[in-house]
């Protein structure tokens, strides 16, 4: 694929959608882990 061609994809979900709730939970867990140990690794 030449550099001028690209594939663009996106997803949109409404507020309260389980994906958004899961993202908020995982973000909160990550923030808590990094607060306790800034050098921690997560995947």
PDB file of N, CA and C in Angstrom:
ATOM      1  N   UNK A   1       0.855  -1.178   0.000  1.00  0.00           N
ATOM      2  CA  UNK A   1       0.000   0.000   0.000  1.00  0.00           C
ATOM      3  C   UNK A   1       0.900   1.240   0.000  1.00  0.00           C
ATOM      4  N   UNK A   2       0.748   2.091  -0.990  1.00  0.00           N
ATOM      5  CA  UNK A   2       1.567   3.322  -1.031  1.00  0.00           C
ATOM      6  C   UNK A   2       1.294   4.206   0.187  1.00  0.00           C
ATOM      7  N   UNK A   3       2.239   5.061   0.509  1.00  0.00           N
ATOM      8  CA  UNK A   3       2.111   5.938   1.676  1.00  0.00           C
ATOM      9  C   UNK A   3       0.922   6.893   1.561  1.00  0.00           C
ATOM     10  N   UNK A   4       0.433   7.139   0.358  1.00  0.00           N
ATOM     11  CA  UNK A   4      -0.704   8.049   0.188  1.00  0.00           C
ATOM     12  C   UNK A   4      -2.033   7.357   0.483  1.00  0.00           C
ATOM     13  N   UNK A   5      -2.034   6.028   0.502  1.00  0.00           N
ATOM     14  CA  UNK A   5      -3.246   5.277   0.809  1.00  0.00           C
ATOM     15  C   UNK A   5      -3.237   4.869   2.277  1.00  0.00           C
ATOM     16  N   UNK A   6      -4.391   4.896   2.889  1.00  0.00           N
ATOM     17  CA  UNK A   6      -4.473   4.458   4.272  1.00  0.00           C
ATOM     18  C   UNK A   6      -5.873   3.944   4.551  1.00  0.00           C
ATOM     19  N   UNK A   7      -5.987   3.178   5.595  1.00  0.00           N
ATOM     20  CA  UNK A   7      -7.259   2.633   6.028  1.00  0.00           C
ATOM     21  C   UNK A   7      -7.627   3.285   7.349  1.00  0.00           C
ATOM     22  N   UNK A   8      -8.791   3.882   7.423  1.00  0.00           N
ATOM     23  CA  UNK A   8      -9.240   4.558   8.637  1.00  0.00           C
ATOM     24  C   UNK A   8     -10.446   3.814   9.182  1.00  0.00           C
ATOM     25  N   UNK A   9     -10.379   3.439  10.450  1.00  0.00           N
ATOM     26  CA  UNK A   9     -11.527   2.797  11.094  1.00  0.00           C
ATOM     27  C   UNK A   9     -11.819   3.514  12.402  1.00  0.00           C
ATOM     28  N   UNK A  10     -13.046   3.447  12.845  1.00  0.00           N
ATOM     29  CA  UNK A  10     -13.404   4.047  14.132  1.00  0.00           C
ATOM     30  C   UNK A  10     -14.620   3.324  14.696  1.00  0.00           C
ATOM     31  N   UNK A  11     -14.807   3.502  15.977  1.00  0.00           N
ATOM     32  CA  UNK A  11     -15.949   2.913  16.663  1.00  0.00           C
ATOM     33  C   UNK A  11     -16.547   3.984  17.564  1.00  0.00           C
ATOM     34  N   UNK A  12     -17.840   4.069  17.591  1.00  0.00           N
ATOM     35  CA  UNK A  12     -18.505   5.040  18.450  1.00  0.00           C
ATOM     36  C   UNK A  12     -19.542   4.308  19.293  1.00  0.00           C
ATOM     37  N   UNK A  13     -19.474   4.535  20.594  1.00  0.00           N
ATOM     38  CA  UNK A  13     -20.467   3.939  21.493  1.00  0.00           C
ATOM     39  C   UNK A  13     -21.035   5.033  22.373  1.00  0.00           C
ATOM     40  N   UNK A  14     -22.277   4.867  22.769  1.00  0.00           N
ATOM     41  CA  UNK A  14     -22.925   5.892  23.587  1.00  0.00           C
ATOM     42  C   UNK A  14     -22.512   5.762  25.046  1.00  0.00           C
ATOM     43  N   UNK A  15     -22.714   6.846  25.795  1.00  0.00           N
ATOM     44  CA  UNK A  15     -22.376   6.860  27.214  1.00  0.00           C
ATOM     45  C   UNK A  15     -23.183   5.789  27.944  1.00  0.00           C
ATOM     46  N   UNK A  16     -22.547   5.118  28.882  1.00  0.00           N
ATOM     47  CA  UNK A  16     -23.202   4.046  29.607  1.00  0.00           C
ATOM     48  C   UNK A  16     -23.054   2.690  28.944  1.00  0.00           C
ATOM     49  N   UNK A  17     -22.481   2.664  27.738  1.00  0.00           N
ATOM     50  CA  UNK A  17     -22.241   1.409  27.031  1.00  0.00           C
ATOM     51  C   UNK A  17     -21.229   0.591  27.836  1.00  0.00           C
ATOM     52  N   UNK A  18     -21.391  -0.724  27.897  1.00  0.00           N
ATOM     53  CA  UNK A  18     -20.461  -1.551  28.687  1.00  0.00           C
ATOM     54  C   UNK A  18     -18.985  -1.336  28.348  1.00  0.00           C
ATOM     55  N   UNK A  19     -18.658  -1.047  27.090  1.00  0.00           N
ATOM     56  CA  UNK A  19     -17.261  -0.791  26.718  1.00  0.00           C
ATOM     57  C   UNK A  19     -16.732   0.441  27.442  1.00  0.00           C
ATOM     58  N   UNK A  20     -17.544   1.486  27.521  1.00  0.00           N
ATOM     59  CA  UNK A  20     -17.109   2.716  28.199  1.00  0.00           C
ATOM     60  C   UNK A  20     -16.951   2.477  29.696  1.00  0.00           C
ATOM     61  N   UNK A  21     -17.865   1.723  30.282  1.00  0.00           N
ATOM     62  CA  UNK A  21     -17.788   1.422  31.711  1.00  0.00           C
ATOM     63  C   UNK A  21     -16.530   0.605  31.985  1.00  0.00           C
ATOM     64  N   UNK A  22     -16.261  -0.382  31.153  1.00  0.00           N
ATOM     65  CA  UNK A  22     -15.057  -1.207  31.315  1.00  0.00           C
ATOM     66  C   UNK A  22     -13.795  -0.370  31.183  1.00  0.00           C
ATOM     67  N   UNK A  23     -13.783   0.559  30.236  1.00  0.00           N
ATOM     68  CA  UNK A  23     -12.627   1.452  30.067  1.00  0.00           C
ATOM     69  C   UNK A  23     -12.402   2.291  31.321  1.00  0.00           C
ATOM     70  N   UNK A  24     -13.468   2.799  31.914  1.00  0.00           N
ATOM     71  CA  UNK A  24     -13.341   3.612  33.129  1.00  0.00           C
ATOM     72  C   UNK A  24     -12.801   2.784  34.288  1.00  0.00           C
ATOM     73  N   UNK A  25     -13.263   1.549  34.397  1.00  0.00           N
ATOM     74  CA  UNK A  25     -12.785   0.673  35.472  1.00  0.00           C
ATOM     75  C   UNK A  25     -11.307   0.358  35.278  1.00  0.00           C
ATOM     76  N   UNK A  26     -10.915  -0.018  34.061  1.00  0.00           N
ATOM     77  CA  UNK A  26      -9.508  -0.357  33.823  1.00  0.00           C
ATOM     78  C   UNK A  26      -8.612   0.863  33.990  1.00  0.00           C
ATOM     79  N   UNK A  27      -9.075   2.039  33.601  1.00  0.00           N
ATOM     80  CA  UNK A  27      -8.297   3.270  33.809  1.00  0.00           C
ATOM     81  C   UNK A  27      -8.098   3.545  35.295  1.00  0.00           C
ATOM     82  N   UNK A  28      -9.138   3.337  36.100  1.00  0.00           N
ATOM     83  CA  UNK A  28      -9.040   3.567  37.543  1.00  0.00           C
ATOM     84  C   UNK A  28      -8.067   2.582  38.187  1.00  0.00           C
ATOM     85  N   UNK A  29      -8.118   1.327  37.750  1.00  0.00           N
ATOM     86  CA  UNK A  29      -7.191   0.319  38.278  1.00  0.00           C
ATOM     87  C   UNK A  29      -5.762   0.678  37.906  1.00  0.00           C
ATOM     88  N   UNK A  30      -5.536   1.054  36.659  1.00  0.00           N
ATOM     89  CA  UNK A  30      -4.195   1.441  36.212  1.00  0.00           C
ATOM     90  C   UNK A  30      -3.684   2.641  37.004  1.00  0.00           C
ATOM     91  N   UNK A  31      -4.526   3.643  37.202  1.00  0.00           N
ATOM     92  CA  UNK A  31      -4.124   4.823  37.983  1.00  0.00           C
ATOM     93  C   UNK A  31      -3.732   4.432  39.402  1.00  0.00           C
ATOM     94  N   UNK A  32      -4.497   3.533  40.016  1.00  0.00           N
ATOM     95  CA  UNK A  32      -4.197   3.099  41.383  1.00  0.00           C
ATOM     96  C   UNK A  32      -2.871   2.347  41.442  1.00  0.00           C
ATOM     97  N   UNK A  33      -2.629   1.492  40.469  1.00  0.00           N
ATOM     98  CA  UNK A  33      -1.374   0.732  40.429  1.00  0.00           C
ATOM     99  C   UNK A  33      -0.190   1.670  40.249  1.00  0.00           C
ATOM    100  N   UNK A  34      -0.302   2.601  39.306  1.00  0.00           N
ATOM    101  CA  UNK A  34       0.814   3.514  39.036  1.00  0.00           C
ATOM    102  C   UNK A  34       1.044   4.483  40.190  1.00  0.00           C
ATOM    103  N   UNK A  35       0.001   4.797  40.950  1.00  0.00           N
ATOM    104  CA  UNK A  35       0.163   5.652  42.126  1.00  0.00           C
ATOM    105  C   UNK A  35       0.990   4.936  43.191  1.00  0.00           C
ATOM    106  N   UNK A  36       0.720   3.651  43.371  1.00  0.00           N
ATOM    107  CA  UNK A  36       1.448   2.867  44.375  1.00  0.00           C
ATOM    108  C   UNK A  36       2.865   2.536  43.928  1.00  0.00           C
ATOM    109  N   UNK A  37       3.035   2.265  42.629  1.00  0.00           N
ATOM    110  CA  UNK A  37       4.354   1.886  42.114  1.00  0.00           C
ATOM    111  C   UNK A  37       4.523   2.449  40.705  1.00  0.00           C
ATOM    112  N   UNK A  38       5.128   3.639  40.586  1.00  0.00           N
ATOM    113  CA  UNK A  38       5.285   4.276  39.271  1.00  0.00           C
ATOM    114  C   UNK A  38       6.092   3.449  38.269  1.00  0.00           C
ATOM    115  N   UNK A  39       6.882   2.497  38.746  1.00  0.00           N
ATOM    116  CA  UNK A  39       7.682   1.666  37.843  1.00  0.00           C
ATOM    117  C   UNK A  39       6.993   0.346  37.502  1.00  0.00           C
ATOM    118  N   UNK A  40       5.738   0.183  37.927  1.00  0.00           N
ATOM    119  CA  UNK A  40       5.035  -1.071  37.653  1.00  0.00           C
ATOM    120  C   UNK A  40       4.784  -1.215  36.155  1.00  0.00           C
ATOM    121  N   UNK A  41       4.617  -2.466  35.750  1.00  0.00           N
ATOM    122  CA  UNK A  41       4.344  -2.760  34.341  1.00  0.00           C
ATOM    123  C   UNK A  41       2.979  -3.422  34.248  1.00  0.00           C
ATOM    124  N   UNK A  42       2.229  -3.026  33.278  1.00  0.00           N
ATOM    125  CA  UNK A  42       0.908  -3.615  33.069  1.00  0.00           C
ATOM    126  C   UNK A  42       0.736  -3.919  31.592  1.00  0.00           C
ATOM    127  N   UNK A  43      -0.150  -4.846  31.301  1.00  0.00           N
ATOM    128  CA  UNK A  43      -0.413  -5.198  29.900  1.00  0.00           C
ATOM    129  C   UNK A  43      -1.904  -5.346  29.688  1.00  0.00           C
TER     130      UNK A  43
END
